[in-house]
């Protein structure tokens, strides 16, 4: 498979996973967004960095 075949599938999976929490529990999702809104920018960046590093590690382990 080349990159242009895998990319749409990967984006679709991200959208499915991202949509699960608001679909299953909208109240918890709303509370989570409120908590994120109160976080400092540095904390949000650290969470984003950790998420990207974990994704890279998982991608490395899968391939």
Protein backbone atom coordinates (compact mmCIF):
# COMPACT_ATOMS: atom_id res chain seq x y z
CA UNK A 1 0.00 0.00 0.00
CA UNK A 2 1.27 3.45 -0.73
CA UNK A 3 0.90 6.57 1.37
CA UNK A 4 -2.10 7.97 -0.49
CA UNK A 5 -4.11 4.81 0.15
CA UNK A 6 -3.28 4.65 3.85
CA UNK A 7 -3.73 8.34 4.67
CA UNK A 8 -7.53 8.50 4.13
CA UNK A 9 -7.98 5.31 6.18
CA UNK A 10 -5.86 6.74 9.00
CA UNK A 11 -7.82 10.00 8.99
CA UNK A 12 -11.10 8.08 8.99
CA UNK A 13 -9.98 6.04 12.01
CA UNK A 14 -8.97 9.20 13.88
CA UNK A 15 -12.39 10.74 13.20
CA UNK A 16 -14.17 7.57 14.37
CA UNK A 17 -12.14 7.40 17.59
CA UNK A 18 -12.50 11.15 18.23
CA UNK A 19 -16.27 10.92 17.77
CA UNK A 20 -16.78 8.04 20.18
CA UNK A 21 -16.66 10.01 23.45
CA UNK A 22 -19.13 12.76 22.46
CA UNK A 23 -21.46 10.08 21.07
CA UNK A 24 -21.26 7.78 24.10
CA UNK A 25 -21.15 10.39 26.85
CA UNK A 26 -21.82 13.98 25.80
CA UNK A 27 -21.88 15.17 29.44
CA UNK A 28 -18.38 13.85 30.15
CA UNK A 29 -17.13 15.31 26.88
CA UNK A 30 -18.51 18.72 27.84
CA UNK A 31 -16.85 18.51 31.27
CA UNK A 32 -13.56 17.51 29.64
CA UNK A 33 -13.73 20.52 27.31
CA UNK A 34 -14.41 22.79 30.29
CA UNK A 35 -11.38 21.36 32.10
CA UNK A 36 -9.18 21.82 29.02
CA UNK A 37 -10.41 25.41 28.69
CA UNK A 38 -9.09 26.10 32.21
CA UNK A 39 -5.66 24.55 31.57
CA UNK A 40 -2.61 26.66 30.83
CA UNK A 41 -1.20 26.63 27.30
CA UNK A 42 1.97 24.88 28.47
CA UNK A 43 -0.01 21.98 29.95
CA UNK A 44 -2.03 21.59 26.74
CA UNK A 45 1.20 21.60 24.69
CA UNK A 46 2.68 18.93 26.97
CA UNK A 47 -0.40 16.75 26.48
CA UNK A 48 -0.17 17.24 22.71
CA UNK A 49 3.54 16.40 22.70
CA UNK A 50 2.93 13.28 24.78
CA UNK A 51 0.15 12.21 22.43
CA UNK A 52 2.35 12.68 19.37
CA UNK A 53 5.25 10.78 20.95
CA UNK A 54 2.96 7.92 21.95
CA UNK A 55 1.57 7.83 18.41
CA UNK A 56 5.08 7.71 16.94
CA UNK A 57 6.03 4.91 19.31
CA UNK A 58 2.93 2.89 18.40
CA UNK A 59 3.54 3.50 14.70
CA UNK A 60 7.14 2.33 15.10
CA UNK A 61 6.06 -0.80 16.97
CA UNK A 62 3.39 -1.66 14.38
CA UNK A 63 5.78 -1.26 11.47
